[in-house]
């Protein structure tokens, strides 16, 4: 890392990795034939309170 340029190479490498990761995630989510389950409110577990 140079004093003038700072951390440019690491920053741009990580930036490209993040963009590629987002792209892969979006492709997986929008892939045809993939079932997306809606979140059901009834499947939540109610928190238990301590009896006093």
PDB file of N, CA and C in Angstrom:
ATOM      1  N   UNK A   1       0.862  -1.164   0.000  1.00  0.00           N
ATOM      2  CA  UNK A   1       0.000   0.000   0.000  1.00  0.00           C
ATOM      3  C   UNK A   1       0.908   1.227   0.000  1.00  0.00           C
ATOM      4  N   UNK A   2       0.688   2.115  -0.945  1.00  0.00           N
ATOM      5  CA  UNK A   2       1.523   3.304  -1.021  1.00  0.00           C
ATOM      6  C   UNK A   2       0.864   4.472  -0.297  1.00  0.00           C
ATOM      7  N   UNK A   3       1.662   5.425   0.078  1.00  0.00           N
ATOM      8  CA  UNK A   3       1.131   6.591   0.792  1.00  0.00           C
ATOM      9  C   UNK A   3       0.260   7.437  -0.133  1.00  0.00           C
ATOM     10  N   UNK A   4       0.592   7.471  -1.412  1.00  0.00           N
ATOM     11  CA  UNK A   4      -0.153   8.312  -2.352  1.00  0.00           C
ATOM     12  C   UNK A   4      -1.470   7.671  -2.777  1.00  0.00           C
ATOM     13  N   UNK A   5      -1.425   6.409  -3.143  1.00  0.00           N
ATOM     14  CA  UNK A   5      -2.616   5.758  -3.679  1.00  0.00           C
ATOM     15  C   UNK A   5      -3.462   5.073  -2.625  1.00  0.00           C
ATOM     16  N   UNK A   6      -2.951   4.901  -1.453  1.00  0.00           N
ATOM     17  CA  UNK A   6      -3.745   4.290  -0.401  1.00  0.00           C
ATOM     18  C   UNK A   6      -4.029   2.834  -0.680  1.00  0.00           C
ATOM     19  N   UNK A   7      -5.252   2.427  -0.469  1.00  0.00           N
ATOM     20  CA  UNK A   7      -5.635   1.023  -0.577  1.00  0.00           C
ATOM     21  C   UNK A   7      -6.503   0.771  -1.805  1.00  0.00           C
ATOM     22  N   UNK A   8      -6.187   1.412  -2.919  1.00  0.00           N
ATOM     23  CA  UNK A   8      -7.044   1.329  -4.109  1.00  0.00           C
ATOM     24  C   UNK A   8      -7.231  -0.095  -4.611  1.00  0.00           C
ATOM     25  N   UNK A   9      -6.148  -0.847  -4.698  1.00  0.00           N
ATOM     26  CA  UNK A   9      -6.260  -2.174  -5.303  1.00  0.00           C
ATOM     27  C   UNK A   9      -7.159  -3.087  -4.465  1.00  0.00           C
ATOM     28  N   UNK A  10      -7.001  -3.047  -3.151  1.00  0.00           N
ATOM     29  CA  UNK A  10      -7.848  -3.876  -2.294  1.00  0.00           C
ATOM     30  C   UNK A  10      -9.293  -3.400  -2.374  1.00  0.00           C
ATOM     31  N   UNK A  11      -9.493  -2.104  -2.359  1.00  0.00           N
ATOM     32  CA  UNK A  11     -10.844  -1.550  -2.416  1.00  0.00           C
ATOM     33  C   UNK A  11     -11.550  -1.997  -3.699  1.00  0.00           C
ATOM     34  N   UNK A  12     -10.883  -1.866  -4.835  1.00  0.00           N
ATOM     35  CA  UNK A  12     -11.517  -2.223  -6.110  1.00  0.00           C
ATOM     36  C   UNK A  12     -11.718  -3.728  -6.244  1.00  0.00           C
ATOM     37  N   UNK A  13     -10.794  -4.514  -5.708  1.00  0.00           N
ATOM     38  CA  UNK A  13     -10.958  -5.965  -5.746  1.00  0.00           C
ATOM     39  C   UNK A  13     -12.180  -6.376  -4.932  1.00  0.00           C
ATOM     40  N   UNK A  14     -12.297  -5.833  -3.725  1.00  0.00           N
ATOM     41  CA  UNK A  14     -13.452  -6.161  -2.882  1.00  0.00           C
ATOM     42  C   UNK A  14     -14.741  -5.630  -3.488  1.00  0.00           C
ATOM     43  N   UNK A  15     -14.684  -4.475  -4.135  1.00  0.00           N
ATOM     44  CA  UNK A  15     -15.854  -3.900  -4.781  1.00  0.00           C
ATOM     45  C   UNK A  15     -16.365  -4.828  -5.881  1.00  0.00           C
ATOM     46  N   UNK A  16     -15.453  -5.341  -6.711  1.00  0.00           N
ATOM     47  CA  UNK A  16     -15.842  -6.256  -7.780  1.00  0.00           C
ATOM     48  C   UNK A  16     -16.411  -7.553  -7.209  1.00  0.00           C
ATOM     49  N   UNK A  17     -15.834  -8.032  -6.104  1.00  0.00           N
ATOM     50  CA  UNK A  17     -16.349  -9.246  -5.472  1.00  0.00           C
ATOM     51  C   UNK A  17     -17.769  -9.035  -4.960  1.00  0.00           C
ATOM     52  N   UNK A  18     -18.036  -7.885  -4.354  1.00  0.00           N
ATOM     53  CA  UNK A  18     -19.371  -7.587  -3.840  1.00  0.00           C
ATOM     54  C   UNK A  18     -20.390  -7.520  -4.971  1.00  0.00           C
ATOM     55  N   UNK A  19     -20.011  -6.861  -6.069  1.00  0.00           N
ATOM     56  CA  UNK A  19     -20.925  -6.751  -7.215  1.00  0.00           C
ATOM     57  C   UNK A  19     -21.232  -8.132  -7.780  1.00  0.00           C
ATOM     58  N   UNK A  20     -20.218  -8.976  -7.918  1.00  0.00           N
ATOM     59  CA  UNK A  20     -20.418 -10.327  -8.447  1.00  0.00           C
ATOM     60  C   UNK A  20     -21.283 -11.158  -7.513  1.00  0.00           C
ATOM     61  N   UNK A  21     -21.093 -11.004  -6.197  1.00  0.00           N
ATOM     62  CA  UNK A  21     -21.889 -11.743  -5.218  1.00  0.00           C
ATOM     63  C   UNK A  21     -23.357 -11.338  -5.308  1.00  0.00           C
ATOM     64  N   UNK A  22     -23.615 -10.032  -5.416  1.00  0.00           N
ATOM     65  CA  UNK A  22     -25.001  -9.553  -5.538  1.00  0.00           C
ATOM     66  C   UNK A  22     -25.648 -10.073  -6.813  1.00  0.00           C
ATOM     67  N   UNK A  23     -24.878 -10.083  -7.893  1.00  0.00           N
ATOM     68  CA  UNK A  23     -25.407 -10.555  -9.177  1.00  0.00           C
ATOM     69  C   UNK A  23     -25.775 -12.031  -9.100  1.00  0.00           C
ATOM     70  N   UNK A  24     -24.899 -12.851  -8.511  1.00  0.00           N
ATOM     71  CA  UNK A  24     -25.195 -14.282  -8.367  1.00  0.00           C
ATOM     72  C   UNK A  24     -26.427 -14.501  -7.501  1.00  0.00           C
ATOM     73  N   UNK A  25     -26.543 -13.743  -6.415  1.00  0.00           N
ATOM     74  CA  UNK A  25     -27.687 -13.881  -5.517  1.00  0.00           C
ATOM     75  C   UNK A  25     -28.979 -13.541  -6.235  1.00  0.00           C
ATOM     76  N   UNK A  26     -28.978 -12.445  -6.986  1.00  0.00           N
ATOM     77  CA  UNK A  26     -30.183 -12.043  -7.711  1.00  0.00           C
ATOM     78  C   UNK A  26     -30.557 -13.070  -8.771  1.00  0.00           C
ATOM     79  N   UNK A  27     -29.566 -13.643  -9.452  1.00  0.00           N
ATOM     80  CA  UNK A  27     -29.847 -14.660 -10.456  1.00  0.00           C
ATOM     81  C   UNK A  27     -30.466 -15.896  -9.813  1.00  0.00           C
ATOM     82  N   UNK A  28     -29.972 -16.280  -8.654  1.00  0.00           N
ATOM     83  CA  UNK A  28     -30.539 -17.436  -7.965  1.00  0.00           C
ATOM     84  C   UNK A  28     -31.978 -17.168  -7.536  1.00  0.00           C
ATOM     85  N   UNK A  29     -32.245 -15.967  -7.051  1.00  0.00           N
ATOM     86  CA  UNK A  29     -33.587 -15.636  -6.586  1.00  0.00           C
ATOM     87  C   UNK A  29     -34.588 -15.549  -7.730  1.00  0.00           C
ATOM     88  N   UNK A  30     -34.136 -15.113  -8.893  1.00  0.00           N
ATOM     89  CA  UNK A  30     -35.045 -14.929 -10.022  1.00  0.00           C
ATOM     90  C   UNK A  30     -34.999 -16.096 -11.011  1.00  0.00           C
ATOM     91  N   UNK A  31     -34.319 -17.168 -10.656  1.00  0.00           N
ATOM     92  CA  UNK A  31     -34.228 -18.329 -11.537  1.00  0.00           C
ATOM     93  C   UNK A  31     -35.604 -18.973 -11.679  1.00  0.00           C
ATOM     94  N   UNK A  32     -36.035 -19.263 -12.904  1.00  0.00           N
ATOM     95  CA  UNK A  32     -37.349 -19.903 -13.071  1.00  0.00           C
ATOM     96  C   UNK A  32     -37.340 -21.307 -12.482  1.00  0.00           C
ATOM     97  N   UNK A  33     -38.468 -21.690 -11.907  1.00  0.00           N
ATOM     98  CA  UNK A  33     -38.582 -23.001 -11.295  1.00  0.00           C
ATOM     99  C   UNK A  33     -38.233 -23.007  -9.827  1.00  0.00           C
ATOM    100  N   UNK A  34     -37.755 -21.891  -9.308  1.00  0.00           N
ATOM    101  CA  UNK A  34     -37.435 -21.808  -7.897  1.00  0.00           C
ATOM    102  C   UNK A  34     -38.686 -21.375  -7.147  1.00  0.00           C
ATOM    103  N   UNK A  35     -39.041 -22.126  -6.126  1.00  0.00           N
ATOM    104  CA  UNK A  35     -40.215 -21.784  -5.340  1.00  0.00           C
ATOM    105  C   UNK A  35     -39.807 -20.835  -4.221  1.00  0.00           C
ATOM    106  N   UNK A  36     -40.549 -19.762  -4.102  1.00  0.00           N
ATOM    107  CA  UNK A  36     -40.299 -18.826  -3.015  1.00  0.00           C
ATOM    108  C   UNK A  36     -41.434 -18.962  -2.027  1.00  0.00           C
ATOM    109  N   UNK A  37     -41.103 -19.373  -0.817  1.00  0.00           N
ATOM    110  CA  UNK A  37     -42.119 -19.583   0.208  1.00  0.00           C
ATOM    111  C   UNK A  37     -42.450 -18.263   0.895  1.00  0.00           C
ATOM    112  N   UNK A  38     -43.732 -17.921   0.958  1.00  0.00           N
ATOM    113  CA  UNK A  38     -44.084 -16.708   1.704  1.00  0.00           C
ATOM    114  C   UNK A  38     -43.959 -16.962   3.196  1.00  0.00           C
ATOM    115  N   UNK A  39     -43.556 -15.956   3.911  1.00  0.00           N
ATOM    116  CA  UNK A  39     -43.411 -16.080   5.362  1.00  0.00           C
ATOM    117  C   UNK A  39     -44.798 -16.132   5.989  1.00  0.00           C
ATOM    118  N   UNK A  40     -45.074 -17.196   6.704  1.00  0.00           N
ATOM    119  CA  UNK A  40     -46.380 -17.352   7.341  1.00  0.00           C
ATOM    120  C   UNK A  40     -46.321 -16.795   8.756  1.00  0.00           C
ATOM    121  N   UNK A  41     -47.293 -16.005   9.104  1.00  0.00           N
ATOM    122  CA  UNK A  41     -47.328 -15.409  10.441  1.00  0.00           C
ATOM    123  C   UNK A  41     -47.631 -16.459  11.503  1.00  0.00           C
ATOM    124  N   UNK A  42     -48.330 -17.517  11.113  1.00  0.00           N
ATOM    125  CA  UNK A  42     -48.706 -18.538  12.094  1.00  0.00           C
ATOM    126  C   UNK A  42     -47.536 -19.442  12.473  1.00  0.00           C
ATOM    127  N   UNK A  43     -46.465 -19.420  11.700  1.00  0.00           N
ATOM    128  CA  UNK A  43     -45.339 -20.300  11.998  1.00  0.00           C
ATOM    129  C   UNK A  43     -44.401 -19.699  13.049  1.00  0.00           C
ATOM    130  N   UNK A  44     -44.668 -18.481  13.468  1.00  0.00           N
ATOM    131  CA  UNK A  44     -43.817 -17.865  14.485  1.00  0.00           C
ATOM    132  C   UNK A  44     -44.071 -18.505  15.843  1.00  0.00           C
ATOM    133  N   UNK A  45     -43.018 -18.606  16.593  1.00  0.00           N
ATOM    134  CA  UNK A  45     -43.115 -19.154  17.948  1.00  0.00           C
ATOM    135  C   UNK A  45     -43.281 -17.978  18.902  1.00  0.00           C
ATOM    136  N   UNK A  46     -44.279 -18.098  19.773  1.00  0.00           N
ATOM    137  CA  UNK A  46     -44.505 -17.037  20.735  1.00  0.00           C
ATOM    138  C   UNK A  46     -43.463 -17.123  21.835  1.00  0.00           C
ATOM    139  N   UNK A  47     -42.914 -16.013  22.270  1.00  0.00           N
ATOM    140  CA  UNK A  47     -41.944 -16.063  23.369  1.00  0.00           C
ATOM    141  C   UNK A  47     -42.625 -16.450  24.667  1.00  0.00           C
ATOM    142  N   UNK A  48     -41.968 -17.277  25.416  1.00  0.00           N
ATOM    143  CA  UNK A  48     -42.534 -17.730  26.688  1.00  0.00           C
ATOM    144  C   UNK A  48     -42.090 -16.792  27.802  1.00  0.00           C
ATOM    145  N   UNK A  49     -43.020 -16.463  28.673  1.00  0.00           N
ATOM    146  CA  UNK A  49     -42.678 -15.601  29.806  1.00  0.00           C
ATOM    147  C   UNK A  49     -42.437 -16.461  31.035  1.00  0.00           C
ATOM    148  N   UNK A  50     -41.624 -15.959  31.907  1.00  0.00           N
ATOM    149  CA  UNK A  50     -41.315 -16.675  33.138  1.00  0.00           C
ATOM    150  C   UNK A  50     -42.449 -16.425  34.136  1.00  0.00           C
ATOM    151  N   UNK A  51     -43.000 -17.512  34.671  1.00  0.00           N
ATOM    152  CA  UNK A  51     -44.090 -17.387  35.657  1.00  0.00           C
ATOM    153  C   UNK A  51     -43.515 -16.832  36.951  1.00  0.00           C
ATOM    154  N   UNK A  52     -44.199 -15.827  37.514  1.00  0.00           N
ATOM    155  CA  UNK A  52     -43.673 -15.220  38.732  1.00  0.00           C
ATOM    156  C   UNK A  52     -44.548 -15.528  39.916  1.00  0.00           C
TER     157      UNK A  52
END
